[in-house]
Amino acid sequence: MWNGKVELIYIAAAAQGPMQAVAEAVAIPGEGLAGDRYALKLGTFYKPEPD
């Protein structure tokens, strides 16, 4: 089994926006981290799924 630890968490509210260090984050299944560009569907590599 692999073991590790999270040392830093960074999120950004917009694609290519400034990163912000956070002490904790809420992970939303199938979405990403609350407040991050990918959870907000604004990330550079975000690709919407077909309807």
C-alpha atoms as a PDB file:
ATOM      1  CA  MET A   1       0.000   0.000   0.000  1.00  0.00           C
ATOM      2  CA  TRP A   2       1.213   3.503  -0.830  1.00  0.00           C
ATOM      3  CA  ASN A   3       1.571   6.034   1.985  1.00  0.00           C
ATOM      4  CA  GLY A   4       2.028   9.748   1.674  1.00  0.00           C
ATOM      5  CA  LYS A   5       0.982  13.086   3.081  1.00  0.00           C
ATOM      6  CA  VAL A   6      -0.418  16.296   1.679  1.00  0.00           C
ATOM      7  CA  GLU A   7       1.959  19.137   2.434  1.00  0.00           C
ATOM      8  CA  LEU A   8       0.345  22.010   0.526  1.00  0.00           C
ATOM      9  CA  ILE A   9      -3.000  22.655  -1.158  1.00  0.00           C
ATOM     10  CA  TYR A  10      -3.356  25.392  -3.748  1.00  0.00           C
ATOM     11  CA  ILE A  11      -6.506  26.433  -5.593  1.00  0.00           C
ATOM     12  CA  ALA A  12      -7.263  29.116  -8.169  1.00  0.00           C
ATOM     13  CA  ALA A  13     -10.676  30.580  -8.944  1.00  0.00           C
ATOM     14  CA  ALA A  14      -9.988  31.154 -12.663  1.00  0.00           C
ATOM     15  CA  ALA A  15      -7.948  29.629 -15.467  1.00  0.00           C
ATOM     16  CA  GLN A  16      -4.395  30.974 -15.308  1.00  0.00           C
ATOM     17  CA  GLY A  17      -5.406  32.940 -12.209  1.00  0.00           C
ATOM     18  CA  PRO A  18      -3.204  33.322  -9.160  1.00  0.00           C
ATOM     19  CA  MET A  19      -2.921  30.274  -6.939  1.00  0.00           C
ATOM     20  CA  GLN A  20      -3.961  30.599  -3.312  1.00  0.00           C
ATOM     21  CA  ALA A  21      -2.614  28.363  -0.553  1.00  0.00           C
ATOM     22  CA  VAL A  22      -5.338  26.979   1.700  1.00  0.00           C
ATOM     23  CA  ALA A  23      -5.019  25.136   5.014  1.00  0.00           C
ATOM     24  CA  GLU A  24      -7.823  22.745   4.100  1.00  0.00           C
ATOM     25  CA  ALA A  25     -10.125  22.027   1.177  1.00  0.00           C
ATOM     26  CA  VAL A  26     -13.469  20.354   0.614  1.00  0.00           C
ATOM     27  CA  ALA A  27     -13.316  17.637  -2.046  1.00  0.00           C
ATOM     28  CA  ILE A  28     -16.505  17.370  -4.105  1.00  0.00           C
ATOM     29  CA  PRO A  29     -16.827  13.908  -5.721  1.00  0.00           C
ATOM     30  CA  GLY A  30     -16.746  14.141  -9.516  1.00  0.00           C
ATOM     31  CA  GLU A  31     -16.111  17.900  -9.399  1.00  0.00           C
ATOM     32  CA  GLY A  32     -12.843  18.816  -7.675  1.00  0.00           C
ATOM     33  CA  LEU A  33     -11.932  21.056  -4.772  1.00  0.00           C
ATOM     34  CA  ALA A  34     -14.507  23.614  -3.628  1.00  0.00           C
ATOM     35  CA  GLY A  35     -13.532  27.066  -4.887  1.00  0.00           C
ATOM     36  CA  ASP A  36     -11.056  25.732  -7.461  1.00  0.00           C
ATOM     37  CA  ARG A  37     -11.347  26.553 -11.166  1.00  0.00           C
ATOM     38  CA  TYR A  38     -12.109  22.950 -12.131  1.00  0.00           C
ATOM     39  CA  ALA A  39     -14.972  22.599  -9.637  1.00  0.00           C
ATOM     40  CA  LEU A  40     -16.225  25.932 -11.023  1.00  0.00           C
ATOM     41  CA  LYS A  41     -15.840  24.559 -14.598  1.00  0.00           C
ATOM     42  CA  LEU A  42     -13.393  27.353 -15.502  1.00  0.00           C
ATOM     43  CA  GLY A  43     -10.102  25.461 -15.704  1.00  0.00           C
ATOM     44  CA  THR A  44      -7.832  25.563 -18.749  1.00  0.00           C
ATOM     45  CA  PHE A  45      -8.203  21.818 -19.304  1.00  0.00           C
ATOM     46  CA  TYR A  46     -11.893  21.573 -18.355  1.00  0.00           C
ATOM     47  CA  LYS A  47     -13.825  19.700 -21.012  1.00  0.00           C
ATOM     48  CA  PRO A  48     -17.604  19.540 -20.584  1.00  0.00           C
ATOM     49  CA  GLU A  49     -19.191  16.147 -21.127  1.00  0.00           C
ATOM     50  CA  PRO A  50     -21.662  15.843 -24.002  1.00  0.00           C
ATOM     51  CA  ASP A  51     -25.349  16.249 -23.131  1.00  0.00           C
END
